[in-house]
């Protein structure tokens, strides 16, 4: 029997940018699972950076509380949320990722000399 391809995504706790309080409240950890070059060009201030492939080895670095997990468009972060939830961590995927975050005009910081941007 074929399954609805959206079925898996519906099982991943997800929030839109509009559903994320501004400013981000204390106790909400932003976990960015993008690669280092993506992080350097623009990320959410105060975010914890753990690339997706390193997450299983660095799980102890994820603080207690709810985690808002982000990547560029939401695919890698959805994978991370699935894994984190299996580990008993309260995690939510940011629908549309950093593309939607930047598109909504939400603040970002950078590690480069230029303005923050999503690459």
PDB file of N, CA and C in Angstrom:
ATOM      1  N   UNK A   1       0.836  -1.181   0.000  1.00  0.00           N
ATOM      2  CA  UNK A   1       0.000   0.000   0.000  1.00  0.00           C
ATOM      3  C   UNK A   1       0.880   1.243   0.000  1.00  0.00           C
ATOM      4  N   UNK A   2       0.538   2.230  -0.789  1.00  0.00           N
ATOM      5  CA  UNK A   2       1.287   3.483  -0.838  1.00  0.00           C
ATOM      6  C   UNK A   2       0.891   4.353   0.339  1.00  0.00           C
ATOM      7  N   UNK A   3       1.836   5.116   0.816  1.00  0.00           N
ATOM      8  CA  UNK A   3       1.540   6.044   1.900  1.00  0.00           C
ATOM      9  C   UNK A   3       1.604   7.462   1.376  1.00  0.00           C
ATOM     10  N   UNK A   4       0.907   8.313   2.042  1.00  0.00           N
ATOM     11  CA  UNK A   4       0.910   9.729   1.701  1.00  0.00           C
ATOM     12  C   UNK A   4       2.305  10.279   1.994  1.00  0.00           C
ATOM     13  N   UNK A   5       3.018  10.853   0.991  1.00  0.00           N
ATOM     14  CA  UNK A   5       4.368  11.353   1.256  1.00  0.00           C
ATOM     15  C   UNK A   5       4.395  12.435   2.326  1.00  0.00           C
ATOM     16  N   UNK A   6       3.309  13.117   2.556  1.00  0.00           N
ATOM     17  CA  UNK A   6       3.261  14.148   3.585  1.00  0.00           C
ATOM     18  C   UNK A   6       3.038  13.588   4.975  1.00  0.00           C
ATOM     19  N   UNK A   7       2.731  12.290   5.052  1.00  0.00           N
ATOM     20  CA  UNK A   7       2.414  11.687   6.351  1.00  0.00           C
ATOM     21  C   UNK A   7       3.576  11.800   7.327  1.00  0.00           C
ATOM     22  N   UNK A   8       4.794  11.520   6.856  1.00  0.00           N
ATOM     23  CA  UNK A   8       5.955  11.603   7.733  1.00  0.00           C
ATOM     24  C   UNK A   8       6.146  13.026   8.235  1.00  0.00           C
ATOM     25  N   UNK A   9       5.992  14.004   7.350  1.00  0.00           N
ATOM     26  CA  UNK A   9       6.191  15.396   7.748  1.00  0.00           C
ATOM     27  C   UNK A   9       5.154  15.819   8.792  1.00  0.00           C
ATOM     28  N   UNK A  10       3.941  15.307   8.699  1.00  0.00           N
ATOM     29  CA  UNK A  10       2.915  15.679   9.674  1.00  0.00           C
ATOM     30  C   UNK A  10       3.252  15.151  11.063  1.00  0.00           C
ATOM     31  N   UNK A  11       4.092  14.124  11.143  1.00  0.00           N
ATOM     32  CA  UNK A  11       4.458  13.564  12.434  1.00  0.00           C
ATOM     33  C   UNK A  11       5.575  14.363  13.094  1.00  0.00           C
ATOM     34  N   UNK A  12       6.215  15.233  12.362  1.00  0.00           N
ATOM     35  CA  UNK A  12       7.297  16.070  12.882  1.00  0.00           C
ATOM     36  C   UNK A  12       6.676  17.346  13.433  1.00  0.00           C
ATOM     37  N   UNK A  13       6.872  17.631  14.732  1.00  0.00           N
ATOM     38  CA  UNK A  13       6.350  18.895  15.276  1.00  0.00           C
ATOM     39  C   UNK A  13       6.954  20.073  14.512  1.00  0.00           C
ATOM     40  N   UNK A  14       6.113  20.947  14.004  1.00  0.00           N
ATOM     41  CA  UNK A  14       6.549  22.033  13.130  1.00  0.00           C
ATOM     42  C   UNK A  14       5.862  23.328  13.511  1.00  0.00           C
ATOM     43  N   UNK A  15       6.586  24.438  13.327  1.00  0.00           N
ATOM     44  CA  UNK A  15       6.044  25.772  13.567  1.00  0.00           C
ATOM     45  C   UNK A  15       6.474  26.681  12.419  1.00  0.00           C
ATOM     46  N   UNK A  16       5.631  27.641  12.085  1.00  0.00           N
ATOM     47  CA  UNK A  16       6.004  28.639  11.083  1.00  0.00           C
ATOM     48  C   UNK A  16       6.734  29.786  11.775  1.00  0.00           C
ATOM     49  N   UNK A  17       7.383  30.620  10.989  1.00  0.00           N
ATOM     50  CA  UNK A  17       8.077  31.781  11.549  1.00  0.00           C
ATOM     51  C   UNK A  17       7.095  32.648  12.339  1.00  0.00           C
ATOM     52  N   UNK A  18       5.885  32.799  11.843  1.00  0.00           N
ATOM     53  CA  UNK A  18       4.881  33.624  12.533  1.00  0.00           C
ATOM     54  C   UNK A  18       4.552  33.058  13.907  1.00  0.00           C
ATOM     55  N   UNK A  19       4.762  31.769  14.115  1.00  0.00           N
ATOM     56  CA  UNK A  19       4.469  31.143  15.388  1.00  0.00           C
ATOM     57  C   UNK A  19       5.613  31.206  16.394  1.00  0.00           C
ATOM     58  N   UNK A  20       6.750  31.791  15.978  1.00  0.00           N
ATOM     59  CA  UNK A  20       7.905  31.921  16.872  1.00  0.00           C
ATOM     60  C   UNK A  20       7.886  33.314  17.484  1.00  0.00           C
ATOM     61  N   UNK A  21       7.818  33.413  18.822  1.00  0.00           N
ATOM     62  CA  UNK A  21       7.786  34.732  19.455  1.00  0.00           C
ATOM     63  C   UNK A  21       9.014  35.568  19.105  1.00  0.00           C
ATOM     64  N   UNK A  22       8.809  36.870  19.024  1.00  0.00           N
ATOM     65  CA  UNK A  22       9.899  37.809  18.767  1.00  0.00           C
ATOM     66  C   UNK A  22       9.878  38.861  19.860  1.00  0.00           C
ATOM     67  N   UNK A  23      10.869  38.920  20.715  1.00  0.00           N
ATOM     68  CA  UNK A  23      12.104  38.145  20.687  1.00  0.00           C
ATOM     69  C   UNK A  23      11.893  36.707  21.166  1.00  0.00           C
ATOM     70  N   UNK A  24      12.870  35.871  20.864  1.00  0.00           N
ATOM     71  CA  UNK A  24      12.815  34.468  21.279  1.00  0.00           C
ATOM     72  C   UNK A  24      12.877  34.424  22.804  1.00  0.00           C
ATOM     73  N   UNK A  25      11.939  33.735  23.429  1.00  0.00           N
ATOM     74  CA  UNK A  25      11.893  33.716  24.898  1.00  0.00           C
ATOM     75  C   UNK A  25      13.018  32.892  25.526  1.00  0.00           C
ATOM     76  N   UNK A  26      13.354  33.252  26.758  1.00  0.00           N
ATOM     77  CA  UNK A  26      14.306  32.444  27.518  1.00  0.00           C
ATOM     78  C   UNK A  26      13.744  31.034  27.634  1.00  0.00           C
ATOM     79  N   UNK A  27      14.610  30.066  27.597  1.00  0.00           N
ATOM     80  CA  UNK A  27      14.165  28.685  27.719  1.00  0.00           C
ATOM     81  C   UNK A  27      13.919  28.016  26.375  1.00  0.00           C
ATOM     82  N   UNK A  28      13.844  28.809  25.297  1.00  0.00           N
ATOM     83  CA  UNK A  28      13.712  28.235  23.955  1.00  0.00           C
ATOM     84  C   UNK A  28      15.092  28.248  23.317  1.00  0.00           C
ATOM     85  N   UNK A  29      15.623  27.065  23.065  1.00  0.00           N
ATOM     86  CA  UNK A  29      16.935  26.924  22.452  1.00  0.00           C
ATOM     87  C   UNK A  29      16.750  26.875  20.942  1.00  0.00           C
ATOM     88  N   UNK A  30      17.511  27.682  20.216  1.00  0.00           N
ATOM     89  CA  UNK A  30      17.513  27.590  18.756  1.00  0.00           C
ATOM     90  C   UNK A  30      18.708  26.721  18.387  1.00  0.00           C
ATOM     91  N   UNK A  31      18.430  25.611  17.707  1.00  0.00           N
ATOM     92  CA  UNK A  31      19.467  24.678  17.282  1.00  0.00           C
ATOM     93  C   UNK A  31      19.575  24.736  15.767  1.00  0.00           C
ATOM     94  N   UNK A  32      20.713  25.185  15.282  1.00  0.00           N
ATOM     95  CA  UNK A  32      20.972  25.326  13.844  1.00  0.00           C
ATOM     96  C   UNK A  32      21.783  24.123  13.396  1.00  0.00           C
ATOM     97  N   UNK A  33      21.232  23.322  12.469  1.00  0.00           N
ATOM     98  CA  UNK A  33      21.889  22.088  12.031  1.00  0.00           C
ATOM     99  C   UNK A  33      22.536  22.214  10.650  1.00  0.00           C
ATOM    100  N   UNK A  34      22.732  23.456  10.188  1.00  0.00           N
ATOM    101  CA  UNK A  34      23.360  23.662   8.878  1.00  0.00           C
ATOM    102  C   UNK A  34      24.876  23.453   8.954  1.00  0.00           C
ATOM    103  N   UNK A  35      25.491  23.425   7.801  1.00  0.00           N
ATOM    104  CA  UNK A  35      26.936  23.269   7.707  1.00  0.00           C
ATOM    105  C   UNK A  35      27.637  24.572   8.120  1.00  0.00           C
ATOM    106  N   UNK A  36      28.923  24.489   8.535  1.00  0.00           N
ATOM    107  CA  UNK A  36      29.632  25.680   9.017  1.00  0.00           C
ATOM    108  C   UNK A  36      29.616  26.873   8.060  1.00  0.00           C
ATOM    109  N   UNK A  37      29.767  26.661   6.761  1.00  0.00           N
ATOM    110  CA  UNK A  37      29.782  27.793   5.827  1.00  0.00           C
ATOM    111  C   UNK A  37      28.428  28.500   5.806  1.00  0.00           C
ATOM    112  N   UNK A  38      27.344  27.741   5.930  1.00  0.00           N
ATOM    113  CA  UNK A  38      26.013  28.346   5.976  1.00  0.00           C
ATOM    114  C   UNK A  38      25.860  29.176   7.252  1.00  0.00           C
ATOM    115  N   UNK A  39      26.298  28.622   8.368  1.00  0.00           N
ATOM    116  CA  UNK A  39      26.234  29.284   9.672  1.00  0.00           C
ATOM    117  C   UNK A  39      26.987  30.611   9.643  1.00  0.00           C
ATOM    118  N   UNK A  40      28.193  30.597   9.077  1.00  0.00           N
ATOM    119  CA  UNK A  40      29.045  31.787   9.072  1.00  0.00           C
ATOM    120  C   UNK A  40      28.384  32.968   8.387  1.00  0.00           C
ATOM    121  N   UNK A  41      27.629  32.713   7.334  1.00  0.00           N
ATOM    122  CA  UNK A  41      27.037  33.803   6.555  1.00  0.00           C
ATOM    123  C   UNK A  41      25.806  34.411   7.206  1.00  0.00           C
ATOM    124  N   UNK A  42      25.122  33.668   8.056  1.00  0.00           N
ATOM    125  CA  UNK A  42      23.955  34.230   8.728  1.00  0.00           C
ATOM    126  C   UNK A  42      23.246  33.199   9.573  1.00  0.00           C
ATOM    127  N   UNK A  43      22.972  33.586  10.830  1.00  0.00           N
ATOM    128  CA  UNK A  43      22.253  32.693  11.742  1.00  0.00           C
ATOM    129  C   UNK A  43      21.499  33.520  12.773  1.00  0.00           C
ATOM    130  N   UNK A  44      20.662  32.848  13.525  1.00  0.00           N
ATOM    131  CA  UNK A  44      19.881  33.504  14.570  1.00  0.00           C
ATOM    132  C   UNK A  44      20.804  33.727  15.766  1.00  0.00           C
ATOM    133  N   UNK A  45      20.819  34.958  16.261  1.00  0.00           N
ATOM    134  CA  UNK A  45      21.690  35.287  17.384  1.00  0.00           C
ATOM    135  C   UNK A  45      21.367  34.398  18.585  1.00  0.00           C
ATOM    136  N   UNK A  46      22.419  33.854  19.197  1.00  0.00           N
ATOM    137  CA  UNK A  46      22.256  33.003  20.365  1.00  0.00           C
ATOM    138  C   UNK A  46      21.997  31.548  20.040  1.00  0.00           C
ATOM    139  N   UNK A  47      21.904  31.218  18.752  1.00  0.00           N
ATOM    140  CA  UNK A  47      21.636  29.835  18.351  1.00  0.00           C
ATOM    141  C   UNK A  47      22.826  28.935  18.690  1.00  0.00           C
ATOM    142  N   UNK A  48      22.520  27.678  18.913  1.00  0.00           N
ATOM    143  CA  UNK A  48      23.523  26.641  19.116  1.00  0.00           C
ATOM    144  C   UNK A  48      23.762  25.992  17.763  1.00  0.00           C
ATOM    145  N   UNK A  49      25.021  25.903  17.348  1.00  0.00           N
ATOM    146  CA  UNK A  49      25.336  25.332  16.035  1.00  0.00           C
ATOM    147  C   UNK A  49      25.886  23.917  16.188  1.00  0.00           C
ATOM    148  N   UNK A  50      25.105  22.950  15.726  1.00  0.00           N
ATOM    149  CA  UNK A  50      25.554  21.560  15.656  1.00  0.00           C
ATOM    150  C   UNK A  50      25.110  21.022  14.292  1.00  0.00           C
ATOM    151  N   UNK A  51      26.045  20.898  13.338  1.00  0.00           N
ATOM    152  CA  UNK A  51      25.661  20.352  12.027  1.00  0.00           C
ATOM    153  C   UNK A  51      24.962  18.997  12.170  1.00  0.00           C
ATOM    154  N   UNK A  52      24.012  18.733  11.298  1.00  0.00           N
ATOM    155  CA  UNK A  52      23.164  17.543  11.384  1.00  0.00           C
ATOM    156  C   UNK A  52      23.969  16.262  11.589  1.00  0.00           C
ATOM    157  N   UNK A  53      25.016  16.062  10.830  1.00  0.00           N
ATOM    158  CA  UNK A  53      25.775  14.807  10.915  1.00  0.00           C
ATOM    159  C   UNK A  53      26.501  14.661  12.245  1.00  0.00           C
ATOM    160  N   UNK A  54      26.712  15.752  12.971  1.00  0.00           N
ATOM    161  CA  UNK A  54      27.394  15.697  14.267  1.00  0.00           C
ATOM    162  C   UNK A  54      26.414  15.528  15.431  1.00  0.00           C
ATOM    163  N   UNK A  55      25.132  15.704  15.171  1.00  0.00           N
ATOM    164  CA  UNK A  55      24.137  15.723  16.242  1.00  0.00           C
ATOM    165  C   UNK A  55      24.154  14.471  17.135  1.00  0.00           C
ATOM    166  N   UNK A  56      24.212  13.260  16.588  1.00  0.00           N
ATOM    167  CA  UNK A  56      24.220  12.093  17.477  1.00  0.00           C
ATOM    168  C   UNK A  56      25.414  12.080  18.445  1.00  0.00           C
ATOM    169  N   UNK A  57      26.542  12.618  18.008  1.00  0.00           N
ATOM    170  CA  UNK A  57      27.751  12.622  18.830  1.00  0.00           C
ATOM    171  C   UNK A  57      27.802  13.798  19.803  1.00  0.00           C
ATOM    172  N   UNK A  58      26.955  14.788  19.576  1.00  0.00           N
ATOM    173  CA  UNK A  58      26.980  15.995  20.408  1.00  0.00           C
ATOM    174  C   UNK A  58      25.642  16.237  21.108  1.00  0.00           C
ATOM    175  N   UNK A  59      24.846  15.197  21.208  1.00  0.00           N
ATOM    176  CA  UNK A  59      23.512  15.307  21.791  1.00  0.00           C
ATOM    177  C   UNK A  59      23.548  15.891  23.199  1.00  0.00           C
ATOM    178  N   UNK A  60      24.600  15.598  23.948  1.00  0.00           N
ATOM    179  CA  UNK A  60      24.707  16.101  25.314  1.00  0.00           C
ATOM    180  C   UNK A  60      24.859  17.622  25.374  1.00  0.00           C
ATOM    181  N   UNK A  61      25.144  18.264  24.240  1.00  0.00           N
ATOM    182  CA  UNK A  61      25.273  19.722  24.197  1.00  0.00           C
ATOM    183  C   UNK A  61      23.928  20.433  24.070  1.00  0.00           C
ATOM    184  N   UNK A  62      22.882  19.689  23.727  1.00  0.00           N
ATOM    185  CA  UNK A  62      21.553  20.290  23.580  1.00  0.00           C
ATOM    186  C   UNK A  62      20.974  20.498  24.980  1.00  0.00           C
ATOM    187  N   UNK A  63      20.746  21.766  25.371  1.00  0.00           N
ATOM    188  CA  UNK A  63      20.252  22.032  26.723  1.00  0.00           C
ATOM    189  C   UNK A  63      18.813  21.547  26.921  1.00  0.00           C
ATOM    190  N   UNK A  64      18.447  21.423  28.190  1.00  0.00           N
ATOM    191  CA  UNK A  64      17.068  21.079  28.530  1.00  0.00           C
ATOM    192  C   UNK A  64      16.139  22.186  28.067  1.00  0.00           C
ATOM    193  N   UNK A  65      14.886  21.850  27.870  1.00  0.00           N
ATOM    194  CA  UNK A  65      13.889  22.814  27.405  1.00  0.00           C
ATOM    195  C   UNK A  65      13.533  22.522  25.967  1.00  0.00           C
ATOM    196  N   UNK A  66      12.686  23.349  25.418  1.00  0.00           N
ATOM    197  CA  UNK A  66      12.259  23.145  24.033  1.00  0.00           C
ATOM    198  C   UNK A  66      13.317  23.661  23.070  1.00  0.00           C
ATOM    199  N   UNK A  67      13.514  22.939  21.977  1.00  0.00           N
ATOM    200  CA  UNK A  67      14.472  23.329  20.949  1.00  0.00           C
ATOM    201  C   UNK A  67      13.735  23.646  19.653  1.00  0.00           C
ATOM    202  N   UNK A  68      14.014  24.817  19.100  1.00  0.00           N
ATOM    203  CA  UNK A  68      13.544  25.204  17.770  1.00  0.00           C
ATOM    204  C   UNK A  68      14.684  24.860  16.824  1.00  0.00           C
ATOM    205  N   UNK A  69      14.468  23.910  15.927  1.00  0.00           N
ATOM    206  CA  UNK A  69      15.536  23.414  15.072  1.00  0.00           C
ATOM    207  C   UNK A  69      15.398  24.029  13.682  1.00  0.00           C
ATOM    208  N   UNK A  70      16.527  24.583  13.171  1.00  0.00           N
ATOM    209  CA  UNK A  70      16.511  25.283  11.893  1.00  0.00           C
ATOM    210  C   UNK A  70      17.604  24.768  10.968  1.00  0.00           C
ATOM    211  N   UNK A  71      17.316  24.858   9.668  1.00  0.00           N
ATOM    212  CA  UNK A  71      18.308  24.649   8.615  1.00  0.00           C
ATOM    213  C   UNK A  71      17.956  25.647   7.512  1.00  0.00           C
ATOM    214  N   UNK A  72      18.374  25.408   6.291  1.00  0.00           N
ATOM    215  CA  UNK A  72      18.106  26.383   5.228  1.00  0.00           C
ATOM    216  C   UNK A  72      16.636  26.424   4.845  1.00  0.00           C
ATOM    217  N   UNK A  73      16.026  25.250   4.570  1.00  0.00           N
ATOM    218  CA  UNK A  73      14.626  25.252   4.137  1.00  0.00           C
ATOM    219  C   UNK A  73      13.702  24.366   4.973  1.00  0.00           C
ATOM    220  N   UNK A  74      14.260  23.582   5.885  1.00  0.00           N
ATOM    221  CA  UNK A  74      13.430  22.771   6.765  1.00  0.00           C
ATOM    222  C   UNK A  74      13.582  21.275   6.626  1.00  0.00           C
ATOM    223  N   UNK A  75      14.335  20.799   5.656  1.00  0.00           N
ATOM    224  CA  UNK A  75      14.502  19.362   5.458  1.00  0.00           C
ATOM    225  C   UNK A  75      15.433  18.719   6.464  1.00  0.00           C
ATOM    226  N   UNK A  76      16.640  19.271   6.593  1.00  0.00           N
ATOM    227  CA  UNK A  76      17.596  18.711   7.560  1.00  0.00           C
ATOM    228  C   UNK A  76      17.093  18.891   8.981  1.00  0.00           C
ATOM    229  N   UNK A  77      16.474  20.033   9.240  1.00  0.00           N
ATOM    230  CA  UNK A  77      15.967  20.265  10.599  1.00  0.00           C
ATOM    231  C   UNK A  77      14.821  19.305  10.918  1.00  0.00           C
ATOM    232  N   UNK A  78      14.022  18.928   9.934  1.00  0.00           N
ATOM    233  CA  UNK A  78      12.960  17.943  10.162  1.00  0.00           C
ATOM    234  C   UNK A  78      13.573  16.597  10.537  1.00  0.00           C
ATOM    235  N   UNK A  79      14.660  16.213   9.869  1.00  0.00           N
ATOM    236  CA  UNK A  79      15.360  14.971  10.219  1.00  0.00           C
ATOM    237  C   UNK A  79      15.882  15.055  11.651  1.00  0.00           C
ATOM    238  N   UNK A  80      16.467  16.206  11.998  1.00  0.00           N
ATOM    239  CA  UNK A  80      17.009  16.397  13.337  1.00  0.00           C
ATOM    240  C   UNK A  80      15.903  16.322  14.386  1.00  0.00           C
ATOM    241  N   UNK A  81      14.757  16.946  14.114  1.00  0.00           N
ATOM    242  CA  UNK A  81      13.646  16.917  15.060  1.00  0.00           C
ATOM    243  C   UNK A  81      13.165  15.484  15.260  1.00  0.00           C
ATOM    244  N   UNK A  82      13.043  14.729  14.182  1.00  0.00           N
ATOM    245  CA  UNK A  82      12.644  13.329  14.308  1.00  0.00           C
ATOM    246  C   UNK A  82      13.577  12.567  15.231  1.00  0.00           C
ATOM    247  N   UNK A  83      14.866  12.781  15.061  1.00  0.00           N
ATOM    248  CA  UNK A  83      15.866  12.118  15.906  1.00  0.00           C
ATOM    249  C   UNK A  83      15.771  12.606  17.347  1.00  0.00           C
ATOM    250  N   UNK A  84      15.696  13.916  17.538  1.00  0.00           N
ATOM    251  CA  UNK A  84      15.646  14.477  18.898  1.00  0.00           C
ATOM    252  C   UNK A  84      14.420  14.000  19.660  1.00  0.00           C
ATOM    253  N   UNK A  85      13.265  13.965  18.995  1.00  0.00           N
ATOM    254  CA  UNK A  85      12.040  13.497  19.639  1.00  0.00           C
ATOM    255  C   UNK A  85      12.203  12.038  20.074  1.00  0.00           C
ATOM    256  N   UNK A  86      12.846  11.221  19.233  1.00  0.00           N
ATOM    257  CA  UNK A  86      13.104   9.824  19.598  1.00  0.00           C
ATOM    258  C   UNK A  86      13.992   9.733  20.838  1.00  0.00           C
ATOM    259  N   UNK A  87      14.830  10.736  21.047  1.00  0.00           N
ATOM    260  CA  UNK A  87      15.730  10.760  22.204  1.00  0.00           C
ATOM    261  C   UNK A  87      15.062  11.383  23.431  1.00  0.00           C
ATOM    262  N   UNK A  88      13.788  11.756  23.297  1.00  0.00           N
ATOM    263  CA  UNK A  88      13.055  12.321  24.423  1.00  0.00           C
ATOM    264  C   UNK A  88      13.214  13.819  24.584  1.00  0.00           C
ATOM    265  N   UNK A  89      13.704  14.498  23.539  1.00  0.00           N
ATOM    266  CA  UNK A  89      13.905  15.945  23.590  1.00  0.00           C
ATOM    267  C   UNK A  89      12.720  16.637  22.930  1.00  0.00           C
ATOM    268  N   UNK A  90      12.225  17.681  23.568  1.00  0.00           N
ATOM    269  CA  UNK A  90      11.109  18.477  23.048  1.00  0.00           C
ATOM    270  C   UNK A  90      11.653  19.384  21.946  1.00  0.00           C
ATOM    271  N   UNK A  91      11.444  18.998  20.702  1.00  0.00           N
ATOM    272  CA  UNK A  91      11.999  19.732  19.566  1.00  0.00           C
ATOM    273  C   UNK A  91      10.914  20.029  18.546  1.00  0.00           C
ATOM    274  N   UNK A  92      11.065  21.187  17.877  1.00  0.00           N
ATOM    275  CA  UNK A  92      10.102  21.639  16.876  1.00  0.00           C
ATOM    276  C   UNK A  92      10.883  22.128  15.659  1.00  0.00           C
ATOM    277  N   UNK A  93      10.425  21.748  14.471  1.00  0.00           N
ATOM    278  CA  UNK A  93      11.049  22.154  13.218  1.00  0.00           C
ATOM    279  C   UNK A  93      10.526  23.518  12.771  1.00  0.00           C
ATOM    280  N   UNK A  94      11.431  24.376  12.286  1.00  0.00           N
ATOM    281  CA  UNK A  94      11.016  25.659  11.711  1.00  0.00           C
ATOM    282  C   UNK A  94      10.673  25.446  10.241  1.00  0.00           C
ATOM    283  N   UNK A  95       9.399  25.525   9.916  1.00  0.00           N
ATOM    284  CA  UNK A  95       8.917  25.340   8.549  1.00  0.00           C
ATOM    285  C   UNK A  95       9.492  26.431   7.646  1.00  0.00           C
ATOM    286  N   UNK A  96      10.165  26.019   6.584  1.00  0.00           N
ATOM    287  CA  UNK A  96      10.756  26.981   5.656  1.00  0.00           C
ATOM    288  C   UNK A  96      12.140  27.442   6.054  1.00  0.00           C
ATOM    289  N   UNK A  97      12.579  27.050   7.238  1.00  0.00           N
ATOM    290  CA  UNK A  97      13.946  27.301   7.680  1.00  0.00           C
ATOM    291  C   UNK A  97      14.383  28.757   7.659  1.00  0.00           C
ATOM    292  N   UNK A  98      15.682  28.920   7.477  1.00  0.00           N
ATOM    293  CA  UNK A  98      16.282  30.258   7.496  1.00  0.00           C
ATOM    294  C   UNK A  98      15.827  31.104   6.309  1.00  0.00           C
ATOM    295  N   UNK A  99      15.424  30.460   5.221  1.00  0.00           N
ATOM    296  CA  UNK A  99      14.890  31.209   4.076  1.00  0.00           C
ATOM    297  C   UNK A  99      13.644  31.978   4.517  1.00  0.00           C
ATOM    298  N   UNK A 100      12.729  31.307   5.196  1.00  0.00           N
ATOM    299  CA  UNK A 100      11.510  31.966   5.680  1.00  0.00           C
ATOM    300  C   UNK A 100      11.834  32.969   6.789  1.00  0.00           C
ATOM    301  N   UNK A 101      12.781  32.624   7.670  1.00  0.00           N
ATOM    302  CA  UNK A 101      13.184  33.517   8.761  1.00  0.00           C
ATOM    303  C   UNK A 101      13.674  34.853   8.178  1.00  0.00           C
ATOM    304  N   UNK A 102      14.594  34.771   7.222  1.00  0.00           N
ATOM    305  CA  UNK A 102      15.134  35.984   6.596  1.00  0.00           C
ATOM    306  C   UNK A 102      14.043  36.709   5.812  1.00  0.00           C
ATOM    307  N   UNK A 103      13.202  35.958   5.116  1.00  0.00           N
ATOM    308  CA  UNK A 103      12.127  36.554   4.333  1.00  0.00           C
ATOM    309  C   UNK A 103      11.125  37.309   5.181  1.00  0.00           C
ATOM    310  N   UNK A 104      10.996  36.901   6.439  1.00  0.00           N
ATOM    311  CA  UNK A 104      10.079  37.569   7.363  1.00  0.00           C
ATOM    312  C   UNK A 104      10.743  38.782   8.030  1.00  0.00           C
ATOM    313  N   UNK A 105      12.013  39.025   7.696  1.00  0.00           N
ATOM    314  CA  UNK A 105      12.717  40.167   8.263  1.00  0.00           C
ATOM    315  C   UNK A 105      13.155  39.952   9.703  1.00  0.00           C
ATOM    316  N   UNK A 106      13.200  38.692  10.127  1.00  0.00           N
ATOM    317  CA  UNK A 106      13.634  38.396  11.502  1.00  0.00           C
ATOM    318  C   UNK A 106      15.149  38.606  11.601  1.00  0.00           C
ATOM    319  N   UNK A 107      15.642  39.004  12.777  1.00  0.00           N
ATOM    320  CA  UNK A 107      17.058  39.358  12.910  1.00  0.00           C
ATOM    321  C   UNK A 107      18.003  38.172  12.772  1.00  0.00           C
ATOM    322  N   UNK A 108      19.151  38.466  12.162  1.00  0.00           N
ATOM    323  CA  UNK A 108      20.216  37.479  12.000  1.00  0.00           C
ATOM    324  C   UNK A 108      21.550  38.171  12.270  1.00  0.00           C
ATOM    325  N   UNK A 109      22.536  37.375  12.590  1.00  0.00           N
ATOM    326  CA  UNK A 109      23.903  37.854  12.762  1.00  0.00           C
ATOM    327  C   UNK A 109      24.801  37.035  11.841  1.00  0.00           C
ATOM    328  N   UNK A 110      26.040  37.503  11.669  1.00  0.00           N
ATOM    329  CA  UNK A 110      26.964  36.842  10.765  1.00  0.00           C
ATOM    330  C   UNK A 110      28.357  36.763  11.382  1.00  0.00           C
ATOM    331  N   UNK A 111      29.157  35.851  10.856  1.00  0.00           N
ATOM    332  CA  UNK A 111      30.554  35.720  11.270  1.00  0.00           C
ATOM    333  C   UNK A 111      31.468  36.312  10.198  1.00  0.00           C
ATOM    334  N   UNK A 112      30.881  36.906   9.170  1.00  0.00           N
ATOM    335  CA  UNK A 112      31.662  37.481   8.073  1.00  0.00           C
ATOM    336  C   UNK A 112      31.593  39.002   8.137  1.00  0.00           C
ATOM    337  N   UNK A 113      32.307  39.669   7.228  1.00  0.00           N
ATOM    338  CA  UNK A 113      32.311  41.126   7.194  1.00  0.00           C
ATOM    339  C   UNK A 113      31.055  41.702   6.541  1.00  0.00           C
ATOM    340  N   UNK A 114      30.366  40.915   5.735  1.00  0.00           N
ATOM    341  CA  UNK A 114      29.187  41.411   5.033  1.00  0.00           C
ATOM    342  C   UNK A 114      27.936  41.316   5.876  1.00  0.00           C
ATOM    343  N   UNK A 115      26.812  41.745   5.302  1.00  0.00           N
ATOM    344  CA  UNK A 115      25.540  41.630   6.025  1.00  0.00           C
ATOM    345  C   UNK A 115      25.130  40.164   6.127  1.00  0.00           C
ATOM    346  N   UNK A 116      24.341  39.812   7.159  1.00  0.00           N
ATOM    347  CA  UNK A 116      23.891  38.429   7.282  1.00  0.00           C
ATOM    348  C   UNK A 116      23.017  38.028   6.093  1.00  0.00           C
ATOM    349  N   UNK A 117      23.197  36.795   5.651  1.00  0.00           N
ATOM    350  CA  UNK A 117      22.380  36.270   4.547  1.00  0.00           C
ATOM    351  C   UNK A 117      22.328  34.766   4.654  1.00  0.00           C
ATOM    352  N   UNK A 118      21.367  34.189   3.967  1.00  0.00           N
ATOM    353  CA  UNK A 118      21.196  32.735   3.947  1.00  0.00           C
ATOM    354  C   UNK A 118      21.845  32.211   2.675  1.00  0.00           C
ATOM    355  N   UNK A 119      22.783  31.277   2.845  1.00  0.00           N
ATOM    356  CA  UNK A 119      23.446  30.674   1.662  1.00  0.00           C
ATOM    357  C   UNK A 119      23.147  29.201   1.614  1.00  0.00           C
TER     358      UNK A 119
END
